[in-house]
C-alpha atoms as a PDB file:
ATOM      1  CA  MET A   1      46.541   8.786 -20.866  1.00  0.00           C
ATOM      2  CA  GLY A   2      43.968   8.353 -18.135  1.00  0.00           C
ATOM      3  CA  LYS A   3      40.468   9.810 -17.874  1.00  0.00           C
ATOM      4  CA  LYS A   4      38.941  13.145 -16.986  1.00  0.00           C
ATOM      5  CA  HIS A   5      40.214  14.187 -13.542  1.00  0.00           C
ATOM      6  CA  LYS A   6      42.190  10.893 -13.326  1.00  0.00           C
ATOM      7  CA  PRO A   7      45.456  11.606 -15.172  1.00  0.00           C
ATOM      8  CA  ILE A   8      48.199   9.090 -15.870  1.00  0.00           C
ATOM      9  CA  TYR A   9      51.447  10.381 -17.343  1.00  0.00           C
ATOM     10  CA  LYS A  10      54.005   8.657 -19.559  1.00  0.00           C
ATOM     11  CA  ILE A  11      57.676   9.179 -18.838  1.00  0.00           C
ATOM     12  CA  VAL A  12      59.424   9.382 -22.195  1.00  0.00           C
ATOM     13  CA  ALA A  13      62.768  10.145 -23.773  1.00  0.00           C
ATOM     14  CA  ALA A  14      62.135  12.821 -26.393  1.00  0.00           C
ATOM     15  CA  ASP A  15      64.099  15.205 -28.561  1.00  0.00           C
ATOM     16  CA  SER A  16      64.004  18.667 -27.000  1.00  0.00           C
ATOM     17  CA  ARG A  17      62.869  20.155 -30.314  1.00  0.00           C
ATOM     18  CA  SER A  18      59.743  17.985 -30.539  1.00  0.00           C
ATOM     19  CA  PRO A  19      56.432  19.306 -29.156  1.00  0.00           C
ATOM     20  CA  ARG A  20      55.258  18.282 -25.695  1.00  0.00           C
ATOM     21  CA  ASP A  21      52.562  15.901 -26.943  1.00  0.00           C
ATOM     22  CA  GLY A  22      54.456  15.044 -30.124  1.00  0.00           C
ATOM     23  CA  LYS A  23      56.796  12.331 -31.245  1.00  0.00           C
ATOM     24  CA  PHE A  24      59.069  10.738 -28.650  1.00  0.00           C
ATOM     25  CA  ILE A  25      62.004   8.368 -28.914  1.00  0.00           C
ATOM     26  CA  GLU A  26      61.149   5.853 -26.199  1.00  0.00           C
ATOM     27  CA  ALA A  27      58.638   5.426 -23.380  1.00  0.00           C
ATOM     28  CA  VAL A  28      60.599   4.511 -20.238  1.00  0.00           C
ATOM     29  CA  GLY A  29      57.767   4.382 -17.697  1.00  0.00           C
ATOM     30  CA  HIS A  30      54.589   5.939 -16.365  1.00  0.00           C
ATOM     31  CA  TYR A  31      53.422   7.951 -13.358  1.00  0.00           C
ATOM     32  CA  ASN A  32      49.980   7.603 -11.774  1.00  0.00           C
ATOM     33  CA  PRO A  33      49.334  10.241  -9.077  1.00  0.00           C
ATOM     34  CA  ASN A  34      45.796   8.971  -8.306  1.00  0.00           C
ATOM     35  CA  PRO A  35      46.308   6.159  -5.739  1.00  0.00           C
ATOM     36  CA  ASP A  36      47.256   7.079  -2.163  1.00  0.00           C
ATOM     37  CA  PRO A  37      50.892   6.106  -2.470  1.00  0.00           C
ATOM     38  CA  MET A  38      51.491   7.379  -5.987  1.00  0.00           C
ATOM     39  CA  GLU A  39      52.492   4.743  -8.528  1.00  0.00           C
ATOM     40  CA  VAL A  40      55.704   5.217 -10.501  1.00  0.00           C
ATOM     41  CA  LYS A  41      56.801   2.433 -12.852  1.00  0.00           C
ATOM     42  CA  VAL A  42      60.145   3.029 -14.549  1.00  0.00           C
ATOM     43  CA  ASP A  43      62.497   0.854 -16.610  1.00  0.00           C
ATOM     44  CA  THR A  44      65.596   1.727 -14.592  1.00  0.00           C
ATOM     45  CA  GLU A  45      68.086   0.303 -17.082  1.00  0.00           C
ATOM     46  CA  ARG A  46      66.693   2.375 -19.967  1.00  0.00           C
ATOM     47  CA  VAL A  47      66.544   5.507 -17.807  1.00  0.00           C
ATOM     48  CA  MET A  48      70.184   4.999 -16.812  1.00  0.00           C
ATOM     49  CA  HIS A  49      71.077   4.556 -20.496  1.00  0.00           C
ATOM     50  CA  TRP A  50      69.411   7.858 -21.414  1.00  0.00           C
ATOM     51  CA  LEU A  51      70.934   9.726 -18.469  1.00  0.00           C
ATOM     52  CA  LYS A  52      74.392   8.435 -19.413  1.00  0.00           C
ATOM     53  CA  THR A  53      73.913   9.586 -23.014  1.00  0.00           C
ATOM     54  CA  GLY A  54      73.170  13.127 -21.844  1.00  0.00           C
ATOM     55  CA  ALA A  55      69.394  13.271 -21.455  1.00  0.00           C
ATOM     56  CA  ILE A  56      68.237  16.020 -19.108  1.00  0.00           C
ATOM     57  CA  PRO A  57      65.061  15.201 -17.151  1.00  0.00           C
ATOM     58  CA  THR A  58      62.436  17.871 -16.564  1.00  0.00           C
ATOM     59  CA  THR A  59      62.000  19.182 -13.035  1.00  0.00           C
ATOM     60  CA  THR A  60      58.972  16.963 -12.387  1.00  0.00           C
ATOM     61  CA  VAL A  61      60.579  13.825 -13.796  1.00  0.00           C
ATOM     62  CA  ARG A  62      63.748  14.597 -11.855  1.00  0.00           C
ATOM     63  CA  SER A  63      61.765  14.689  -8.594  1.00  0.00           C
ATOM     64  CA  LEU A  64      60.110  11.371  -9.510  1.00  0.00           C
ATOM     65  CA  PHE A  65      63.527   9.855 -10.233  1.00  0.00           C
ATOM     66  CA  ARG A  66      64.792  11.185  -6.902  1.00  0.00           C
ATOM     67  CA  SER A  67      61.887   9.578  -5.048  1.00  0.00           C
ATOM     68  CA  GLU A  68      62.572   6.250  -6.802  1.00  0.00           C
ATOM     69  CA  GLY A  69      66.323   6.301  -6.114  1.00  0.00           C
ATOM     70  CA  ILE A  70      67.341   6.526  -9.775  1.00  0.00           C
ATOM     71  CA  LEU A  71      69.253   9.769  -9.289  1.00  0.00           C
ATOM     72  CA  LEU A  72      71.078   8.212  -6.332  1.00  0.00           C
ATOM     73  CA  ARG A  73      72.175   5.301  -8.527  1.00  0.00           C
ATOM     74  CA  TRP A  74      73.234   7.672 -11.316  1.00  0.00           C
ATOM     75  CA  ASN A  75      75.222   9.851  -8.913  1.00  0.00           C
ATOM     76  CA  LEU A  76      76.995   6.841  -7.389  1.00  0.00           C
ATOM     77  CA  GLU A  77      77.867   5.461 -10.829  1.00  0.00           C
ATOM     78  CA  LYS A  78      79.252   8.847 -11.883  1.00  0.00           C
ATOM     79  CA  ARG A  79      81.456   8.859  -8.782  1.00  0.00           C
ATOM     80  CA  GLY A  80      82.879   5.443  -9.740  1.00  0.00           C
ATOM     81  CA  LYS A  81      81.429   3.387  -6.882  1.00  0.00           C
ATOM     82  CA  THR A  82      81.419  -0.415  -7.162  1.00  0.00           C
ATOM     83  CA  THR A  83      78.190  -2.294  -7.846  1.00  0.00           C
ATOM     84  CA  GLN A  84      78.250  -3.683  -4.307  1.00  0.00           C
ATOM     85  CA  GLU A  85      78.437  -0.181  -2.813  1.00  0.00           C
ATOM     86  CA  ILE A  86      75.649   0.986  -5.130  1.00  0.00           C
ATOM     87  CA  GLU A  87      73.381  -1.931  -4.179  1.00  0.00           C
ATOM     88  CA  GLU A  88      74.065  -1.341  -0.482  1.00  0.00           C
ATOM     89  CA  ALA A  89      73.195   2.353  -0.806  1.00  0.00           C
ATOM     90  CA  LEU A  90      70.014   1.541  -2.758  1.00  0.00           C
ATOM     91  CA  ASN A  91      68.921  -1.049  -0.176  1.00  0.00           C
ATOM     92  CA  ASN A  92      69.471   1.533   2.557  1.00  0.00           C
ATOM     93  CA  PHE A  93      67.495   4.086   0.521  1.00  0.00           C
ATOM     94  CA  ASN A  94      64.590   1.664  -0.067  1.00  0.00           C
ATOM     95  CA  SER A  95      64.393   0.656   3.600  1.00  0.00           C
ATOM     96  CA  GLY A  96      64.278   4.337   4.562  1.00  0.00           C
ATOM     97  CA  LYS A  97      61.588   4.932   1.955  1.00  0.00           C
ATOM     98  CA  THR A  98      59.362   2.139   3.308  1.00  0.00           C
ATOM     99  CA  ALA A  99      59.889   3.365   6.879  1.00  0.00           C
ATOM    100  CA  LYS A 100      58.870   6.866   5.795  1.00  0.00           C
ATOM    101  CA  LEU A 101      55.675   5.518   4.183  1.00  0.00           C
ATOM    102  CA  GLU A 102      54.830   3.587   7.354  1.00  0.00           C
ATOM    103  CA  ARG A 103      55.327   6.712   9.491  1.00  0.00           C
ATOM    104  CA  ALA A 104      53.071   8.690   7.146  1.00  0.00           C
ATOM    105  CA  LYS A 105      50.335   6.032   7.361  1.00  0.00           C
ATOM    106  CA  ALA A 106      50.584   5.981  11.162  1.00  0.00           C
ATOM    107  CA  ARG A 107      50.419   9.797  11.298  1.00  0.00           C
ATOM    108  CA  LYS A 108      47.348   9.810   9.054  1.00  0.00           C
ATOM    109  CA  GLN A 109      45.649   7.208  11.255  1.00  0.00           C
ATOM    110  CA  ARG A 110      46.478   9.173  14.440  1.00  0.00           C
ATOM    111  CA  ARG A 111      45.058  12.362  12.957  1.00  0.00           C
ATOM    112  CA  LYS A 112      41.890  10.547  11.907  1.00  0.00           C
ATOM    113  CA  GLU A 113      41.430   9.115  15.423  1.00  0.00           C
ATOM    114  CA  ASN A 114      42.106  12.501  17.067  1.00  0.00           C
ATOM    115  CA  LYS A 115      39.581  14.189  14.777  1.00  0.00           C
ATOM    116  CA  ALA A 116      36.936  11.577  15.606  1.00  0.00           C
ATOM    117  CA  LYS A 117      37.691  12.053  19.307  1.00  0.00           C
ATOM    118  CA  ARG A 118      37.385  15.862  19.062  1.00  0.00           C
ATOM    119  CA  ASP A 119      34.137  15.568  17.098  1.00  0.00           C
ATOM    120  CA  ALA A 120      32.682  13.193  19.703  1.00  0.00           C
ATOM    121  CA  GLU A 121      33.661  15.572  22.529  1.00  0.00           C
ATOM    122  CA  ALA A 122      32.165  18.531  20.669  1.00  0.00           C
ATOM    123  CA  LYS A 123      28.884  16.660  20.147  1.00  0.00           C
ATOM    124  CA  GLN A 124      28.791  15.615  23.775  1.00  0.00           C
ATOM    125  CA  SER A 125      29.390  19.123  25.110  1.00  0.00           C
ATOM    126  CA  ALA A 126      26.862  20.704  22.728  1.00  0.00           C
END
């Protein structure tokens, strides 16, 4: 999927014996690394179904699931937490995630301003 130098990846449930680009059982989402905050769209219910039936995510997909909070949900369900506790933990996770994105944007803006300031000072002194 995608174009040259603009990849988009499908997240699929596949039999481990099938080839990488071969037949898969079900597409459960996609991952687009191109925009500034990367875009990950996942059908959480289907992913949870496959994880419960014994599917093992690849290292890359596992890190994507971790960043989306799916592994947190799976871990809490395995530990027997109630749905209220799970929702509370996920809300806490999502609020922390948005705060982290805001801090990253602010840091990027500060660095851009500092670079412009240094460049202006260098031009002035030269």
